[in-house]
N, C-alpha and C. Protein backbone atom coordinates (compact mmCIF):
# COMPACT_ATOMS: atom_id res chain seq x y z
N MET A 1 -20.81 -1.52 -9.51
CA MET A 1 -20.58 -0.15 -9.88
C MET A 1 -19.64 0.47 -8.85
N LEU A 2 -18.56 1.04 -9.30
CA LEU A 2 -17.58 1.67 -8.45
C LEU A 2 -17.96 3.13 -8.26
N GLN A 3 -17.98 3.59 -7.03
CA GLN A 3 -18.26 4.99 -6.72
C GLN A 3 -17.00 5.56 -6.09
N SER A 4 -16.63 6.78 -6.51
CA SER A 4 -15.43 7.40 -5.99
C SER A 4 -15.67 8.88 -5.77
N SER A 5 -14.95 9.43 -4.79
CA SER A 5 -15.07 10.85 -4.50
C SER A 5 -13.71 11.35 -4.01
N THR A 6 -13.27 12.48 -4.54
CA THR A 6 -12.02 13.11 -4.12
C THR A 6 -12.34 14.51 -3.63
N PHE A 7 -11.79 14.85 -2.46
CA PHE A 7 -12.07 16.16 -1.88
C PHE A 7 -10.90 16.61 -1.00
N LYS A 8 -10.79 17.91 -0.81
CA LYS A 8 -9.75 18.50 0.01
C LYS A 8 -10.14 18.44 1.47
N VAL A 9 -9.16 18.12 2.32
CA VAL A 9 -9.32 18.15 3.77
C VAL A 9 -8.10 18.91 4.29
N GLY A 10 -8.25 20.21 4.50
CA GLY A 10 -7.10 21.02 4.88
C GLY A 10 -6.06 20.99 3.79
N ARG A 11 -4.82 20.65 4.15
CA ARG A 11 -3.75 20.58 3.14
C ARG A 11 -3.69 19.24 2.44
N TYR A 12 -4.54 18.31 2.82
CA TYR A 12 -4.58 16.96 2.27
C TYR A 12 -5.66 16.82 1.20
N THR A 13 -5.50 15.80 0.38
CA THR A 13 -6.53 15.40 -0.56
C THR A 13 -6.90 13.96 -0.25
N CYS A 14 -8.19 13.72 -0.06
CA CYS A 14 -8.67 12.39 0.28
C CYS A 14 -9.47 11.83 -0.90
N THR A 15 -9.19 10.59 -1.25
CA THR A 15 -9.97 9.89 -2.26
C THR A 15 -10.59 8.67 -1.60
N LEU A 16 -11.91 8.62 -1.60
CA LEU A 16 -12.65 7.48 -1.08
C LEU A 16 -13.25 6.73 -2.25
N THR A 17 -13.14 5.42 -2.23
CA THR A 17 -13.72 4.59 -3.28
C THR A 17 -14.54 3.49 -2.61
N ALA A 18 -15.75 3.32 -3.08
CA ALA A 18 -16.65 2.29 -2.56
C ALA A 18 -17.09 1.39 -3.71
N THR A 19 -17.15 0.10 -3.42
CA THR A 19 -17.56 -0.88 -4.43
C THR A 19 -18.91 -1.47 -4.04
N ASP A 20 -19.49 -2.19 -4.97
CA ASP A 20 -20.79 -2.81 -4.74
C ASP A 20 -20.78 -3.80 -3.57
N ASN A 21 -19.63 -4.42 -3.32
CA ASN A 21 -19.58 -5.41 -2.24
C ASN A 21 -19.42 -4.76 -0.86
N GLY A 22 -19.43 -3.44 -0.82
CA GLY A 22 -19.40 -2.74 0.46
C GLY A 22 -18.02 -2.34 0.94
N ALA A 23 -17.00 -2.62 0.16
CA ALA A 23 -15.64 -2.24 0.55
C ALA A 23 -15.45 -0.73 0.35
N LEU A 24 -14.79 -0.11 1.30
CA LEU A 24 -14.50 1.32 1.24
C LEU A 24 -13.00 1.48 1.41
N THR A 25 -12.34 2.09 0.41
CA THR A 25 -10.91 2.34 0.51
C THR A 25 -10.68 3.84 0.58
N MET A 26 -9.59 4.21 1.23
CA MET A 26 -9.28 5.60 1.43
C MET A 26 -7.81 5.83 1.09
N LYS A 27 -7.54 6.86 0.29
CA LYS A 27 -6.16 7.23 -0.04
C LYS A 27 -6.00 8.71 0.27
N TRP A 28 -4.88 9.05 0.86
CA TRP A 28 -4.57 10.43 1.21
C TRP A 28 -3.32 10.87 0.47
N LYS A 29 -3.31 12.14 0.06
CA LYS A 29 -2.12 12.75 -0.54
C LYS A 29 -1.87 14.07 0.17
N PRO A 30 -0.68 14.49 0.44
CA PRO A 30 0.56 13.83 0.03
C PRO A 30 0.92 12.62 0.88
N GLU A 31 0.40 12.52 2.11
CA GLU A 31 0.60 11.35 2.94
C GLU A 31 -0.61 11.20 3.86
N TRP A 32 -0.69 10.06 4.54
CA TRP A 32 -1.76 9.81 5.48
C TRP A 32 -1.61 10.77 6.66
N PRO A 33 -2.65 11.54 7.00
CA PRO A 33 -2.50 12.49 8.11
C PRO A 33 -2.40 11.77 9.47
N LEU A 34 -1.54 12.29 10.31
CA LEU A 34 -1.43 11.74 11.67
C LEU A 34 -2.48 12.36 12.58
N PHE A 35 -2.96 13.54 12.22
CA PHE A 35 -3.91 14.27 13.05
C PHE A 35 -4.77 15.14 12.15
N LEU A 36 -6.07 15.22 12.44
CA LEU A 36 -6.96 16.16 11.76
C LEU A 36 -7.57 17.08 12.81
N SER A 37 -7.63 18.35 12.50
CA SER A 37 -8.27 19.29 13.41
C SER A 37 -9.78 19.03 13.42
N ARG A 38 -10.45 19.68 14.31
CA ARG A 38 -11.91 19.53 14.39
C ARG A 38 -12.56 19.91 13.05
N ASP A 39 -12.12 21.02 12.46
CA ASP A 39 -12.68 21.45 11.17
C ASP A 39 -12.35 20.47 10.06
N GLU A 40 -11.12 19.93 10.07
CA GLU A 40 -10.75 18.95 9.05
C GLU A 40 -11.55 17.66 9.20
N LYS A 41 -11.80 17.24 10.42
CA LYS A 41 -12.63 16.06 10.64
C LYS A 41 -14.04 16.28 10.10
N ALA A 42 -14.57 17.48 10.32
CA ALA A 42 -15.91 17.80 9.81
C ALA A 42 -15.93 17.78 8.28
N THR A 43 -14.86 18.31 7.67
CA THR A 43 -14.76 18.31 6.21
C THR A 43 -14.68 16.88 5.68
N TYR A 44 -13.87 16.04 6.34
CA TYR A 44 -13.76 14.64 5.94
C TYR A 44 -15.12 13.94 6.02
N ARG A 45 -15.81 14.12 7.14
CA ARG A 45 -17.12 13.47 7.32
C ARG A 45 -18.12 13.92 6.26
N LYS A 46 -18.07 15.20 5.91
CA LYS A 46 -18.97 15.72 4.88
C LYS A 46 -18.69 15.04 3.54
N GLY A 47 -17.42 14.90 3.17
CA GLY A 47 -17.06 14.22 1.92
C GLY A 47 -17.42 12.75 1.95
N ARG A 48 -17.15 12.09 3.07
CA ARG A 48 -17.50 10.67 3.22
C ARG A 48 -19.01 10.46 3.12
N ASP A 49 -19.76 11.30 3.81
CA ASP A 49 -21.22 11.17 3.79
C ASP A 49 -21.80 11.42 2.40
N ALA A 50 -21.18 12.34 1.65
CA ALA A 50 -21.65 12.61 0.28
C ALA A 50 -21.47 11.36 -0.59
N LEU A 51 -20.34 10.66 -0.42
CA LEU A 51 -20.12 9.44 -1.20
C LEU A 51 -21.12 8.37 -0.79
N LEU A 52 -21.32 8.17 0.50
CA LEU A 52 -22.24 7.14 0.95
C LEU A 52 -23.68 7.45 0.55
N LYS A 53 -24.02 8.72 0.43
CA LYS A 53 -25.36 9.12 0.00
C LYS A 53 -25.63 8.67 -1.44
N LYS A 54 -24.58 8.59 -2.25
CA LYS A 54 -24.74 8.11 -3.63
C LYS A 54 -25.34 6.70 -3.62
N PHE A 55 -24.96 5.89 -2.64
CA PHE A 55 -25.51 4.54 -2.54
C PHE A 55 -26.99 4.59 -2.14
N ASP A 56 -27.33 5.50 -1.24
CA ASP A 56 -28.73 5.63 -0.84
C ASP A 56 -29.60 6.09 -2.00
N ASP A 57 -29.03 6.94 -2.87
CA ASP A 57 -29.79 7.52 -3.98
C ASP A 57 -29.89 6.60 -5.20
N ASP A 58 -29.09 5.55 -5.25
CA ASP A 58 -29.08 4.66 -6.41
C ASP A 58 -29.87 3.39 -6.09
N PRO A 59 -31.05 3.22 -6.69
CA PRO A 59 -31.88 2.05 -6.36
C PRO A 59 -31.30 0.73 -6.84
N THR A 60 -30.27 0.77 -7.71
CA THR A 60 -29.68 -0.48 -8.18
C THR A 60 -28.66 -1.03 -7.20
N ILE A 61 -28.30 -0.25 -6.19
CA ILE A 61 -27.31 -0.69 -5.20
C ILE A 61 -28.06 -1.09 -3.92
N THR A 62 -27.81 -2.30 -3.47
CA THR A 62 -28.43 -2.80 -2.25
C THR A 62 -27.37 -2.92 -1.18
N SER A 63 -27.58 -2.26 -0.08
CA SER A 63 -26.60 -2.36 1.00
C SER A 63 -26.76 -3.71 1.69
N ARG A 64 -25.73 -4.11 2.42
CA ARG A 64 -25.79 -5.37 3.16
C ARG A 64 -26.89 -5.33 4.19
N ARG A 65 -27.09 -4.18 4.83
CA ARG A 65 -28.12 -4.06 5.84
C ARG A 65 -29.50 -4.30 5.23
N GLN A 66 -29.74 -3.77 4.02
CA GLN A 66 -31.04 -3.97 3.38
C GLN A 66 -31.21 -5.43 2.96
N ALA A 67 -30.11 -6.09 2.62
CA ALA A 67 -30.20 -7.46 2.11
C ALA A 67 -30.47 -8.47 3.23
N GLU A 68 -30.12 -8.13 4.46
CA GLU A 68 -30.29 -9.07 5.57
C GLU A 68 -31.71 -9.17 6.02
């Protein structure tokens, strides 16, 4: 099951995609930021954590840590 989340980080848009095998990809628009302010970093972490929480909330997804 593919999970994806798109959210604004300052003037950028970040799309994070996570797959069942644990791969996490990140795409930024209009380009990859060279620097994020403290507030932008907090916004990014909030969006990232929201996506990762989807895995915690879905009992059909087993993380690698749980499988070991």
